[in-house]
Amino acid sequence: MNGENPQNRTGEAELDPARRAAFAQDLMRALTAYCPGSRAEPRGSLARGTADAYSDIDIAWTVPGDRFGSCLAAVRDVLEAVVPLDSLRTDPDSSSSRERRLLFAAFRGLPLFWRVDLEVGASPVAGRPGHGPGDPAAHGDDWSNPASALANAVAATKAVLRGQPQNAQGLLERGFRRIDAPDGVPGRWFADIRRLAEAAAGREPGLRPLADRVLRLTESHRAQLLWWTFPAGVRERVDGLILAGRYIQAVHAMWTSGIDPRPGLHDCVEALDGRHRELAGRMAPTGPPGRGEPGRGRPRTAPRSRGRRGGLGR
């Protein structure tokens, strides 16, 4: 998967697909137990079997048409009986429909990547209009542009880790525009994503806890976000140097990559260390550096600077 390391080291949870699948099954059982005669099934990449460690959870819950309102009103309680919620929001494009609602749920203690997109649909009922006043409402939080911008920050992190920097740039630019913030995205992913999270929390202070989770997410994947900041040619060259055990030259290649501002040496070493872990399966086992072989063996991570980090990270 483009060299990503599906491991969240913040303590929230490892990105274990088996754990995600079990959680999705728990949600679907809870939904169908609440409403006999309904059905809940996975959609998207989970249903197709193409999900990676970062994929979110798409579920379709189809309920009897005459119970659509009561089921929608119960969504929060049903979901929270499985795992406490951090947020539950309704897609504004479906907010007035009597037949379909799309809800976005984030759960406490679970990775932000595993957002649940729950589509609640009504089975057809003869003579029932599709839209109109007095539509049932899900008991969720109000949708807001800053909340949407935070969702973009998470999606942009996921895109970078998947090796899709163009998608990440578009997501960040749209997120900044949603909150009328300067939308320049120079491709310093760690700093760009954090800037969007901080800006969203500044627009809506109630989102501060969620924004802090996004900041912790970037910290847990800092090495990968730094790595994808470098141009493709530099990444290819550094991979070759790592596979050859030439770690000092690899750090030098990143440090002199032409990025402006120049990355700090600590950032280069951190990116190298993360990339070394991702390439470990392609490397022959090596012992500690031997005589006459400077720079070979496992790279040592340089100590963190107590001052300001280099240009990549801030």
C-alpha atoms as a PDB file:
ATOM      1  CA  MET A   1       0.000   0.000   0.000  1.00  0.00           C
ATOM      2  CA  ASN A   2       2.546   2.539  -1.163  1.00  0.00           C
ATOM      3  CA  GLY A   3       4.829   1.897   1.793  1.00  0.00           C
ATOM      4  CA  GLU A   4       2.511   3.135   4.512  1.00  0.00           C
ATOM      5  CA  ASN A   5       2.850   1.930   8.061  1.00  0.00           C
ATOM      6  CA  PRO A   6      -0.663   1.161   9.360  1.00  0.00           C
ATOM      7  CA  GLN A   7       0.146   1.720  13.004  1.00  0.00           C
ATOM      8  CA  ASN A   8      -1.309   4.443  15.200  1.00  0.00           C
ATOM      9  CA  ARG A   9       1.166   4.982  18.014  1.00  0.00           C
ATOM     10  CA  THR A  10      -0.917   7.501  19.953  1.00  0.00           C
ATOM     11  CA  GLY A  11      -2.597   4.789  22.037  1.00  0.00           C
ATOM     12  CA  GLU A  12      -5.996   5.260  20.372  1.00  0.00           C
ATOM     13  CA  ALA A  13      -5.785   1.907  18.588  1.00  0.00           C
ATOM     14  CA  GLU A  14      -3.748  -0.013  16.113  1.00  0.00           C
ATOM     15  CA  LEU A  15      -5.122   0.063  12.589  1.00  0.00           C
ATOM     16  CA  ASP A  16      -6.022  -3.608  12.681  1.00  0.00           C
ATOM     17  CA  PRO A  17      -8.472  -4.514   9.877  1.00  0.00           C
ATOM     18  CA  ALA A  18      -9.741  -7.510  11.853  1.00  0.00           C
ATOM     19  CA  ARG A  19     -10.659  -5.235  14.752  1.00  0.00           C
ATOM     20  CA  ARG A  20     -12.414  -2.850  12.379  1.00  0.00           C
ATOM     21  CA  ALA A  21     -14.382  -5.722  10.808  1.00  0.00           C
ATOM     22  CA  ALA A  22     -15.488  -6.960  14.235  1.00  0.00           C
ATOM     23  CA  PHE A  23     -16.547  -3.428  15.204  1.00  0.00           C
ATOM     24  CA  ALA A  24     -18.582  -3.082  11.996  1.00  0.00           C
ATOM     25  CA  GLN A  25     -20.316  -6.383  12.731  1.00  0.00           C
ATOM     26  CA  ASP A  26     -21.164  -5.181  16.251  1.00  0.00           C
ATOM     27  CA  LEU A  27     -22.725  -2.028  14.809  1.00  0.00           C
ATOM     28  CA  MET A  28     -24.787  -3.931  12.254  1.00  0.00           C
ATOM     29  CA  ARG A  29     -26.054  -6.379  14.878  1.00  0.00           C
ATOM     30  CA  ALA A  30     -27.082  -3.495  17.138  1.00  0.00           C
ATOM     31  CA  LEU A  31     -28.963  -1.757  14.328  1.00  0.00           C
ATOM     32  CA  THR A  32     -30.924  -4.816  13.250  1.00  0.00           C
ATOM     33  CA  ALA A  33     -31.647  -5.777  16.862  1.00  0.00           C
ATOM     34  CA  TYR A  34     -33.200  -2.364  17.456  1.00  0.00           C
ATOM     35  CA  CYS A  35     -35.481  -2.674  14.431  1.00  0.00           C
ATOM     36  CA  PRO A  36     -36.642  -6.215  13.616  1.00  0.00           C
ATOM     37  CA  GLY A  37     -37.346  -6.523   9.922  1.00  0.00           C
ATOM     38  CA  SER A  38     -34.552  -4.114   9.021  1.00  0.00           C
ATOM     39  CA  ARG A  39     -31.264  -5.117   7.452  1.00  0.00           C
ATOM     40  CA  ALA A  40     -27.775  -3.680   7.865  1.00  0.00           C
ATOM     41  CA  GLU A  41     -24.969  -4.500   5.472  1.00  0.00           C
ATOM     42  CA  PRO A  42     -21.514  -3.196   4.613  1.00  0.00           C
ATOM     43  CA  ARG A  43     -20.974  -1.050   1.558  1.00  0.00           C
ATOM     44  CA  GLY A  44     -18.014   0.279  -0.372  1.00  0.00           C
ATOM     45  CA  SER A  45     -14.546  -1.174   0.044  1.00  0.00           C
ATOM     46  CA  LEU A  46     -15.504  -3.329   3.042  1.00  0.00           C
ATOM     47  CA  ALA A  47     -18.217  -5.036   1.003  1.00  0.00           C
ATOM     48  CA  ARG A  48     -15.926  -5.439  -2.015  1.00  0.00           C
ATOM     49  CA  GLY A  49     -13.031  -6.788   0.043  1.00  0.00           C
ATOM     50  CA  THR A  50     -10.714  -4.020  -1.174  1.00  0.00           C
ATOM     51  CA  ALA A  51     -10.386  -2.060   2.099  1.00  0.00           C
ATOM     52  CA  ASP A  52      -6.936  -1.136   3.363  1.00  0.00           C
ATOM     53  CA  ALA A  53      -5.969  -0.326   6.939  1.00  0.00           C
ATOM     54  CA  TYR A  54      -7.117   3.285   6.552  1.00  0.00           C
ATOM     55  CA  SER A  55     -10.549   2.623   5.014  1.00  0.00           C
ATOM     56  CA  ASP A  56     -13.592   3.944   6.814  1.00  0.00           C
ATOM     57  CA  ILE A  57     -16.726   1.915   7.571  1.00  0.00           C
ATOM     58  CA  ASP A  58     -19.673   2.264   5.192  1.00  0.00           C
ATOM     59  CA  ILE A  59     -22.949   0.706   6.350  1.00  0.00           C
ATOM     60  CA  ALA A  60     -26.409   0.740   4.755  1.00  0.00           C
ATOM     61  CA  TRP A  61     -29.321   0.309   7.174  1.00  0.00           C
ATOM     62  CA  THR A  62     -32.634  -0.277   5.411  1.00  0.00           C
ATOM     63  CA  VAL A  63     -35.677   0.014   7.682  1.00  0.00           C
ATOM     64  CA  PRO A  64     -39.434  -0.366   7.150  1.00  0.00           C
ATOM     65  CA  GLY A  65     -40.822   2.845   5.711  1.00  0.00           C
ATOM     66  CA  ASP A  66     -43.267   3.390   8.551  1.00  0.00           C
ATOM     67  CA  ARG A  67     -40.429   3.186  11.091  1.00  0.00           C
ATOM     68  CA  PHE A  68     -37.978   5.467   9.298  1.00  0.00           C
ATOM     69  CA  GLY A  69     -38.543   8.371  11.689  1.00  0.00           C
ATOM     70  CA  SER A  70     -38.264   6.359  14.888  1.00  0.00           C
ATOM     71  CA  CYS A  71     -35.170   4.501  13.670  1.00  0.00           C
ATOM     72  CA  LEU A  72     -33.505   7.739  12.649  1.00  0.00           C
ATOM     73  CA  ALA A  73     -34.259   9.283  16.035  1.00  0.00           C
ATOM     74  CA  ALA A  74     -32.713   6.275  17.784  1.00  0.00           C
ATOM     75  CA  VAL A  75     -29.444   6.183  15.835  1.00  0.00           C
ATOM     76  CA  ARG A  76     -27.352   7.969  18.463  1.00  0.00           C
ATOM     77  CA  ASP A  77     -28.511   5.726  21.302  1.00  0.00           C
ATOM     78  CA  VAL A  78     -28.067   2.560  19.234  1.00  0.00           C
ATOM     79  CA  LEU A  79     -24.528   3.468  18.190  1.00  0.00           C
ATOM     80  CA  GLU A  80     -23.490   4.666  21.634  1.00  0.00           C
ATOM     81  CA  ALA A  81     -24.600   1.356  23.121  1.00  0.00           C
ATOM     82  CA  VAL A  82     -21.735  -0.195  21.126  1.00  0.00           C
ATOM     83  CA  VAL A  83     -19.010   2.451  21.633  1.00  0.00           C
ATOM     84  CA  PRO A  84     -19.373   6.037  22.935  1.00  0.00           C
ATOM     85  CA  LEU A  85     -19.562   8.638  20.192  1.00  0.00           C
ATOM     86  CA  ASP A  86     -17.307  11.624  19.704  1.00  0.00           C
ATOM     87  CA  SER A  87     -19.602  13.123  17.080  1.00  0.00           C
ATOM     88  CA  LEU A  88     -22.629  12.302  14.930  1.00  0.00           C
ATOM     89  CA  ARG A  89     -23.406  14.559  11.991  1.00  0.00           C
ATOM     90  CA  THR A  90     -25.921  14.529   9.157  1.00  0.00           C
ATOM     91  CA  ASP A  91     -24.946  15.122   5.551  1.00  0.00           C
ATOM     92  CA  PRO A  92     -26.755  18.366   4.659  1.00  0.00           C
ATOM     93  CA  ASP A  93     -27.547  17.081   1.161  1.00  0.00           C
ATOM     94  CA  SER A  94     -29.830  14.415   2.633  1.00  0.00           C
ATOM     95  CA  SER A  95     -31.119  16.304   5.658  1.00  0.00           C
ATOM     96  CA  SER A  96     -34.642  16.900   4.300  1.00  0.00           C
ATOM     97  CA  SER A  97     -35.304  13.492   2.789  1.00  0.00           C
ATOM     98  CA  ARG A  98     -38.042  11.237   4.188  1.00  0.00           C
ATOM     99  CA  GLU A  99     -36.437   8.208   2.571  1.00  0.00           C
ATOM    100  CA  ARG A 100     -32.675   8.494   3.031  1.00  0.00           C
ATOM    101  CA  ARG A 101     -30.229  10.058   5.467  1.00  0.00           C
ATOM    102  CA  LEU A 102     -26.452   9.868   5.445  1.00  0.00           C
ATOM    103  CA  LEU A 103     -24.856  10.159   8.884  1.00  0.00           C
ATOM    104  CA  PHE A 104     -21.186  10.460   9.808  1.00  0.00           C
ATOM    105  CA  ALA A 105     -20.125   9.010  13.159  1.00  0.00           C
ATOM    106  CA  ALA A 106     -16.762   9.235  14.932  1.00  0.00           C
ATOM    107  CA  PHE A 107     -16.223   6.983  17.949  1.00  0.00           C
ATOM    108  CA  ARG A 108     -14.233   7.611  21.095  1.00  0.00           C
ATOM    109  CA  GLY A 109     -11.014   5.635  21.328  1.00  0.00           C
ATOM    110  CA  LEU A 110     -11.161   4.366  17.754  1.00  0.00           C
ATOM    111  CA  PRO A 111      -8.925   5.678  14.967  1.00  0.00           C
ATOM    112  CA  LEU A 112     -10.231   8.777  13.223  1.00  0.00           C
ATOM    113  CA  PHE A 113      -9.694   6.958   9.937  1.00  0.00           C
ATOM    114  CA  TRP A 114     -12.486   4.560  10.893  1.00  0.00           C
ATOM    115  CA  ARG A 115     -15.340   7.037  10.599  1.00  0.00           C
ATOM    116  CA  VAL A 116     -18.677   5.313  10.099  1.00  0.00           C
ATOM    117  CA  ASP A 117     -20.728   6.527   7.145  1.00  0.00           C
ATOM    118  CA  LEU A 118     -24.210   5.218   7.930  1.00  0.00           C
ATOM    119  CA  GLU A 119     -26.881   5.473   5.245  1.00  0.00           C
ATOM    120  CA  VAL A 120     -30.356   5.023   6.684  1.00  0.00           C
ATOM    121  CA  GLY A 121     -32.865   4.170   3.975  1.00  0.00           C
ATOM    122  CA  ALA A 122     -36.611   3.535   4.076  1.00  0.00           C
ATOM    123  CA  SER A 123     -38.234   0.625   2.310  1.00  0.00           C
ATOM    124  CA  PRO A 124     -40.894   1.940  -0.114  1.00  0.00           C
ATOM    125  CA  VAL A 125     -44.313   2.687   1.322  1.00  0.00           C
ATOM    126  CA  ALA A 126     -47.215   3.284  -1.054  1.00  0.00           C
ATOM    127  CA  GLY A 127     -48.333   6.890  -1.169  1.00  0.00           C
ATOM    128  CA  ARG A 128     -45.473   8.175   0.951  1.00  0.00           C
ATOM    129  CA  PRO A 129     -43.965  11.470  -0.336  1.00  0.00           C
ATOM    130  CA  GLY A 130     -40.213  11.702  -0.667  1.00  0.00           C
ATOM    131  CA  HIS A 131     -39.717  15.151   0.875  1.00  0.00           C
ATOM    132  CA  GLY A 132     -41.642  17.702   2.843  1.00  0.00           C
ATOM    133  CA  PRO A 133     -41.916  19.661   6.103  1.00  0.00           C
ATOM    134  CA  GLY A 134     -41.777  17.864   9.387  1.00  0.00           C
ATOM    135  CA  ASP A 135     -39.169  15.385   8.222  1.00  0.00           C
ATOM    136  CA  PRO A 136     -37.714  13.145  10.919  1.00  0.00           C
ATOM    137  CA  ALA A 137     -34.412  14.304  12.316  1.00  0.00           C
ATOM    138  CA  ALA A 138     -31.491  12.273  13.546  1.00  0.00           C
ATOM    139  CA  HIS A 139     -30.382  13.179  17.049  1.00  0.00           C
ATOM    140  CA  GLY A 140     -26.940  14.343  15.985  1.00  0.00           C
ATOM    141  CA  ASP A 141     -24.772  17.428  16.058  1.00  0.00           C
ATOM    142  CA  ASP A 142     -25.436  20.261  13.658  1.00  0.00           C
ATOM    143  CA  TRP A 143     -23.349  20.194  10.508  1.00  0.00           C
ATOM    144  CA  SER A 144     -20.853  23.027  10.250  1.00  0.00           C
ATOM    145  CA  ASN A 145     -18.181  24.138   7.821  1.00  0.00           C
ATOM    146  CA  PRO A 146     -15.413  23.880  10.465  1.00  0.00           C
ATOM    147  CA  ALA A 147     -16.488  20.294  11.232  1.00  0.00           C
ATOM    148  CA  SER A 148     -16.362  19.540   7.524  1.00  0.00           C
ATOM    149  CA  ALA A 149     -12.889  21.093   7.343  1.00  0.00           C
ATOM    150  CA  LEU A 150     -11.695  18.797  10.135  1.00  0.00           C
ATOM    151  CA  ALA A 151     -13.054  15.824   8.207  1.00  0.00           C
ATOM    152  CA  ASN A 152     -11.001  17.049   5.248  1.00  0.00           C
ATOM    153  CA  ALA A 153      -7.897  17.169   7.447  1.00  0.00           C
ATOM    154  CA  VAL A 154      -8.373  13.509   8.393  1.00  0.00           C
ATOM    155  CA  ALA A 155      -9.069  12.535   4.780  1.00  0.00           C
ATOM    156  CA  ALA A 156      -5.964  14.425   3.635  1.00  0.00           C
ATOM    157  CA  THR A 157      -3.828  12.546   6.166  1.00  0.00           C
ATOM    158  CA  LYS A 158      -5.230   9.283   4.830  1.00  0.00           C
ATOM    159  CA  ALA A 159      -4.513  10.354   1.237  1.00  0.00           C
ATOM    160  CA  VAL A 160      -0.873  11.166   2.008  1.00  0.00           C
ATOM    161  CA  LEU A 161      -0.362   7.841   3.772  1.00  0.00           C
ATOM    162  CA  ARG A 162      -1.809   6.090   0.731  1.00  0.00           C
ATOM    163  CA  GLY A 163       0.665   7.877  -1.511  1.00  0.00           C
ATOM    164  CA  GLN A 164      -1.944  10.196  -3.060  1.00  0.00           C
ATOM    165  CA  PRO A 165      -0.530  13.700  -2.537  1.00  0.00           C
ATOM    166  CA  GLN A 166      -2.660  15.261  -5.290  1.00  0.00           C
ATOM    167  CA  ASN A 167      -5.828  14.107  -3.523  1.00  0.00           C
ATOM    168  CA  ALA A 168      -4.464  15.418  -0.227  1.00  0.00           C
ATOM    169  CA  GLN A 169      -3.821  18.835  -1.725  1.00  0.00           C
ATOM    170  CA  GLY A 170      -7.366  19.099  -3.077  1.00  0.00           C
ATOM    171  CA  LEU A 171      -8.863  18.039   0.242  1.00  0.00           C
ATOM    172  CA  LEU A 172      -6.839  20.608   2.164  1.00  0.00           C
ATOM    173  CA  GLU A 173      -7.600  23.416  -0.272  1.00  0.00           C
ATOM    174  CA  ARG A 174     -11.338  22.693  -0.045  1.00  0.00           C
ATOM    175  CA  GLY A 175     -11.105  22.527   3.741  1.00  0.00           C
ATOM    176  CA  PHE A 176      -9.457  25.943   3.954  1.00  0.00           C
ATOM    177  CA  ARG A 177     -12.033  27.430   1.579  1.00  0.00           C
ATOM    178  CA  ARG A 178     -14.893  26.077   3.696  1.00  0.00           C
ATOM    179  CA  ILE A 179     -13.751  28.207   6.612  1.00  0.00           C
ATOM    180  CA  ASP A 180     -12.591  31.194   4.543  1.00  0.00           C
ATOM    181  CA  ALA A 181      -8.959  30.655   5.511  1.00  0.00           C
ATOM    182  CA  PRO A 182      -5.930  31.180   3.240  1.00  0.00           C
ATOM    183  CA  ASP A 183      -5.825  28.014   1.149  1.00  0.00           C
ATOM    184  CA  GLY A 184      -2.181  27.908   0.081  1.00  0.00           C
ATOM    185  CA  VAL A 185      -1.002  24.290   0.416  1.00  0.00           C
ATOM    186  CA  PRO A 186       2.744  24.030  -0.314  1.00  0.00           C
ATOM    187  CA  GLY A 187       2.852  20.272   0.269  1.00  0.00           C
ATOM    188  CA  ARG A 188       4.427  20.341   3.733  1.00  0.00           C
ATOM    189  CA  TRP A 189       1.861  17.772   4.788  1.00  0.00           C
ATOM    190  CA  PHE A 190       2.552  17.642   8.513  1.00  0.00           C
ATOM    191  CA  ALA A 191       2.346  21.416   8.856  1.00  0.00           C
ATOM    192  CA  ASP A 192      -0.466  21.911   6.306  1.00  0.00           C
ATOM    193  CA  ILE A 193      -2.817  19.412   7.966  1.00  0.00           C
ATOM    194  CA  ARG A 194      -2.147  20.822  11.422  1.00  0.00           C
ATOM    195  CA  ARG A 195      -2.754  24.358  10.158  1.00  0.00           C
ATOM    196  CA  LEU A 196      -6.195  23.343   8.857  1.00  0.00           C
ATOM    197  CA  ALA A 197      -7.083  21.625  12.145  1.00  0.00           C
ATOM    198  CA  GLU A 198      -6.054  24.681  14.162  1.00  0.00           C
ATOM    199  CA  ALA A 199      -7.961  27.016  11.838  1.00  0.00           C
ATOM    200  CA  ALA A 200     -11.133  24.914  12.112  1.00  0.00           C
ATOM    201  CA  ALA A 201     -10.948  24.906  15.910  1.00  0.00           C
ATOM    202  CA  GLY A 202     -10.386  28.652  15.850  1.00  0.00           C
ATOM    203  CA  ARG A 203     -13.597  29.126  13.856  1.00  0.00           C
ATOM    204  CA  GLU A 204     -15.607  26.813  16.143  1.00  0.00           C
ATOM    205  CA  PRO A 205     -14.073  26.427  19.624  1.00  0.00           C
ATOM    206  CA  GLY A 206     -16.422  23.562  20.468  1.00  0.00           C
ATOM    207  CA  LEU A 207     -14.453  21.450  17.998  1.00  0.00           C
ATOM    208  CA  ARG A 208     -11.239  21.826  20.001  1.00  0.00           C
ATOM    209  CA  PRO A 209     -11.270  18.225  21.343  1.00  0.00           C
ATOM    210  CA  LEU A 210     -11.734  16.803  17.851  1.00  0.00           C
ATOM    211  CA  ALA A 211      -9.058  19.127  16.445  1.00  0.00           C
ATOM    212  CA  ASP A 212      -6.682  17.923  19.163  1.00  0.00           C
ATOM    213  CA  ARG A 213      -7.324  14.347  18.027  1.00  0.00           C
ATOM    214  CA  VAL A 214      -6.376  15.369  14.493  1.00  0.00           C
ATOM    215  CA  LEU A 215      -3.159  16.918  15.819  1.00  0.00           C
ATOM    216  CA  ARG A 216      -2.346  13.701  17.669  1.00  0.00           C
ATOM    217  CA  LEU A 217      -3.072  11.774  14.485  1.00  0.00           C
ATOM    218  CA  THR A 218      -0.485  13.801  12.579  1.00  0.00           C
ATOM    219  CA  GLU A 219       2.056  13.266  15.356  1.00  0.00           C
ATOM    220  CA  SER A 220       1.530   9.505  15.237  1.00  0.00           C
ATOM    221  CA  HIS A 221       2.187   9.489  11.481  1.00  0.00           C
ATOM    222  CA  ARG A 222       4.747  12.296  11.445  1.00  0.00           C
ATOM    223  CA  ALA A 223       7.530  10.254   9.817  1.00  0.00           C
ATOM    224  CA  GLN A 224       5.310   9.222   6.891  1.00  0.00           C
ATOM    225  CA  LEU A 225       3.939  12.745   6.425  1.00  0.00           C
ATOM    226  CA  LEU A 226       7.501  14.076   6.327  1.00  0.00           C
ATOM    227  CA  TRP A 227       8.528  11.375   3.863  1.00  0.00           C
ATOM    228  CA  TRP A 228       5.833  12.277   1.346  1.00  0.00           C
ATOM    229  CA  THR A 229       6.928  15.921   1.455  1.00  0.00           C
ATOM    230  CA  PHE A 230       9.996  15.069  -0.641  1.00  0.00           C
ATOM    231  CA  PRO A 231       9.759  15.052  -4.460  1.00  0.00           C
ATOM    232  CA  ALA A 232       9.238  11.688  -6.153  1.00  0.00           C
ATOM    233  CA  GLY A 233      12.772  11.585  -7.549  1.00  0.00           C
ATOM    234  CA  VAL A 234      14.278  12.182  -4.124  1.00  0.00           C
ATOM    235  CA  ARG A 235      12.114   9.476  -2.552  1.00  0.00           C
ATOM    236  CA  GLU A 236      13.190   6.994  -5.217  1.00  0.00           C
ATOM    237  CA  ARG A 237      16.860   7.824  -4.695  1.00  0.00           C
ATOM    238  CA  VAL A 238      16.578   7.606  -0.916  1.00  0.00           C
ATOM    239  CA  ASP A 239      14.843   4.223  -1.146  1.00  0.00           C
ATOM    240  CA  GLY A 240      17.773   2.925  -3.159  1.00  0.00           C
ATOM    241  CA  LEU A 241      20.258   4.258  -0.626  1.00  0.00           C
ATOM    242  CA  ILE A 242      18.332   2.738   2.285  1.00  0.00           C
ATOM    243  CA  LEU A 243      18.181  -0.656   0.576  1.00  0.00           C
ATOM    244  CA  ALA A 244      21.939  -0.405   0.022  1.00  0.00           C
ATOM    245  CA  GLY A 245      22.509   0.443   3.690  1.00  0.00           C
ATOM    246  CA  ARG A 246      23.860   3.917   2.853  1.00  0.00           C
ATOM    247  CA  TYR A 247      21.990   5.842   5.521  1.00  0.00           C
ATOM    248  CA  ILE A 248      24.236   8.873   5.816  1.00  0.00           C
ATOM    249  CA  GLN A 249      23.966   9.459   2.074  1.00  0.00           C
ATOM    250  CA  ALA A 250      20.189   8.997   2.309  1.00  0.00           C
ATOM    251  CA  VAL A 251      19.888  11.711   4.954  1.00  0.00           C
ATOM    252  CA  HIS A 252      22.113  13.989   2.888  1.00  0.00           C
ATOM    253  CA  ALA A 253      19.924  13.419  -0.188  1.00  0.00           C
ATOM    254  CA  MET A 254      16.846  14.542   1.743  1.00  0.00           C
ATOM    255  CA  TRP A 255      18.615  17.485   3.347  1.00  0.00           C
ATOM    256  CA  THR A 256      19.830  18.765  -0.047  1.00  0.00           C
ATOM    257  CA  SER A 257      16.610  17.927  -1.924  1.00  0.00           C
ATOM    258  CA  GLY A 258      15.933  21.549  -2.858  1.00  0.00           C
ATOM    259  CA  ILE A 259      12.882  21.935  -0.629  1.00  0.00           C
ATOM    260  CA  ASP A 260      12.452  25.518   0.548  1.00  0.00           C
ATOM    261  CA  PRO A 261      12.758  26.014   3.452  1.00  0.00           C
ATOM    262  CA  ARG A 262      15.395  23.336   3.809  1.00  0.00           C
ATOM    263  CA  PRO A 263      14.279  20.520   6.123  1.00  0.00           C
ATOM    264  CA  GLY A 264      15.972  20.158   9.468  1.00  0.00           C
ATOM    265  CA  LEU A 265      18.392  17.272   9.901  1.00  0.00           C
ATOM    266  CA  HIS A 266      16.217  15.869  12.685  1.00  0.00           C
ATOM    267  CA  ASP A 267      13.273  15.788  10.259  1.00  0.00           C
ATOM    268  CA  CYS A 268      15.379  13.977   7.672  1.00  0.00           C
ATOM    269  CA  VAL A 269      16.531  11.385  10.203  1.00  0.00           C
ATOM    270  CA  GLU A 270      12.959  10.856  11.428  1.00  0.00           C
ATOM    271  CA  ALA A 271      11.696  10.396   7.872  1.00  0.00           C
ATOM    272  CA  LEU A 272      14.572   7.987   7.185  1.00  0.00           C
ATOM    273  CA  ASP A 273      13.843   5.964  10.303  1.00  0.00           C
ATOM    274  CA  GLY A 274      10.170   5.624   9.393  1.00  0.00           C
ATOM    275  CA  ARG A 275      10.969   4.685   5.816  1.00  0.00           C
ATOM    276  CA  HIS A 276      13.525   2.111   6.982  1.00  0.00           C
ATOM    277  CA  ARG A 277      10.788   0.372   8.986  1.00  0.00           C
ATOM    278  CA  GLU A 278       8.493   0.311   5.964  1.00  0.00           C
ATOM    279  CA  LEU A 279      11.193  -1.172   3.718  1.00  0.00           C
ATOM    280  CA  ALA A 280      12.359  -3.720   6.293  1.00  0.00           C
ATOM    281  CA  GLY A 281      10.671  -6.600   4.495  1.00  0.00           C
ATOM    282  CA  ARG A 282      12.683  -5.889   1.345  1.00  0.00           C
ATOM    283  CA  MET A 283      16.058  -5.700   3.097  1.00  0.00           C
ATOM    284  CA  ALA A 284      18.530  -8.463   3.831  1.00  0.00           C
ATOM    285  CA  PRO A 285      19.236  -8.824   7.566  1.00  0.00           C
ATOM    286  CA  THR A 286      22.297  -6.861   8.621  1.00  0.00           C
ATOM    287  CA  GLY A 287      24.239  -6.698  11.820  1.00  0.00           C
ATOM    288  CA  PRO A 288      25.735  -3.624  13.433  1.00  0.00           C
ATOM    289  CA  PRO A 289      28.068  -1.505  11.320  1.00  0.00           C
ATOM    290  CA  GLY A 290      31.395  -3.233  10.740  1.00  0.00           C
ATOM    291  CA  ARG A 291      34.879  -1.841  10.326  1.00  0.00           C
ATOM    292  CA  GLY A 292      35.341  -0.046   7.064  1.00  0.00           C
ATOM    293  CA  GLU A 293      31.569   0.123   6.486  1.00  0.00           C
ATOM    294  CA  PRO A 294      30.565   3.577   7.682  1.00  0.00           C
ATOM    295  CA  GLY A 295      26.858   4.216   7.568  1.00  0.00           C
ATOM    296  CA  ARG A 296      25.755   0.573   7.372  1.00  0.00           C
ATOM    297  CA  GLY A 297      23.405  -1.190   9.791  1.00  0.00           C
ATOM    298  CA  ARG A 298      20.246   0.092  11.461  1.00  0.00           C
ATOM    299  CA  PRO A 299      20.077   3.898  11.428  1.00  0.00           C
ATOM    300  CA  ARG A 300      20.037   5.581  14.783  1.00  0.00           C
ATOM    301  CA  THR A 301      17.334   8.128  15.367  1.00  0.00           C
ATOM    302  CA  ALA A 302      18.869  11.473  16.271  1.00  0.00           C
ATOM    303  CA  PRO A 303      17.755  12.985  19.576  1.00  0.00           C
ATOM    304  CA  ARG A 304      14.921  15.443  19.344  1.00  0.00           C
ATOM    305  CA  SER A 305      15.883  19.063  19.339  1.00  0.00           C
ATOM    306  CA  ARG A 306      14.577  20.976  22.323  1.00  0.00           C
ATOM    307  CA  GLY A 307      14.016  23.964  20.109  1.00  0.00           C
ATOM    308  CA  ARG A 308      12.069  24.579  16.964  1.00  0.00           C
ATOM    309  CA  ARG A 309      11.913  21.698  14.505  1.00  0.00           C
ATOM    310  CA  GLY A 310      13.080  22.083  10.944  1.00  0.00           C
ATOM    311  CA  GLY A 311      11.182  23.454   8.001  1.00  0.00           C
ATOM    312  CA  LEU A 312       9.234  20.288   7.206  1.00  0.00           C
ATOM    313  CA  GLY A 313       7.517  19.984  10.540  1.00  0.00           C
ATOM    314  CA  ARG A 314       6.379  23.482  11.302  1.00  0.00           C
END
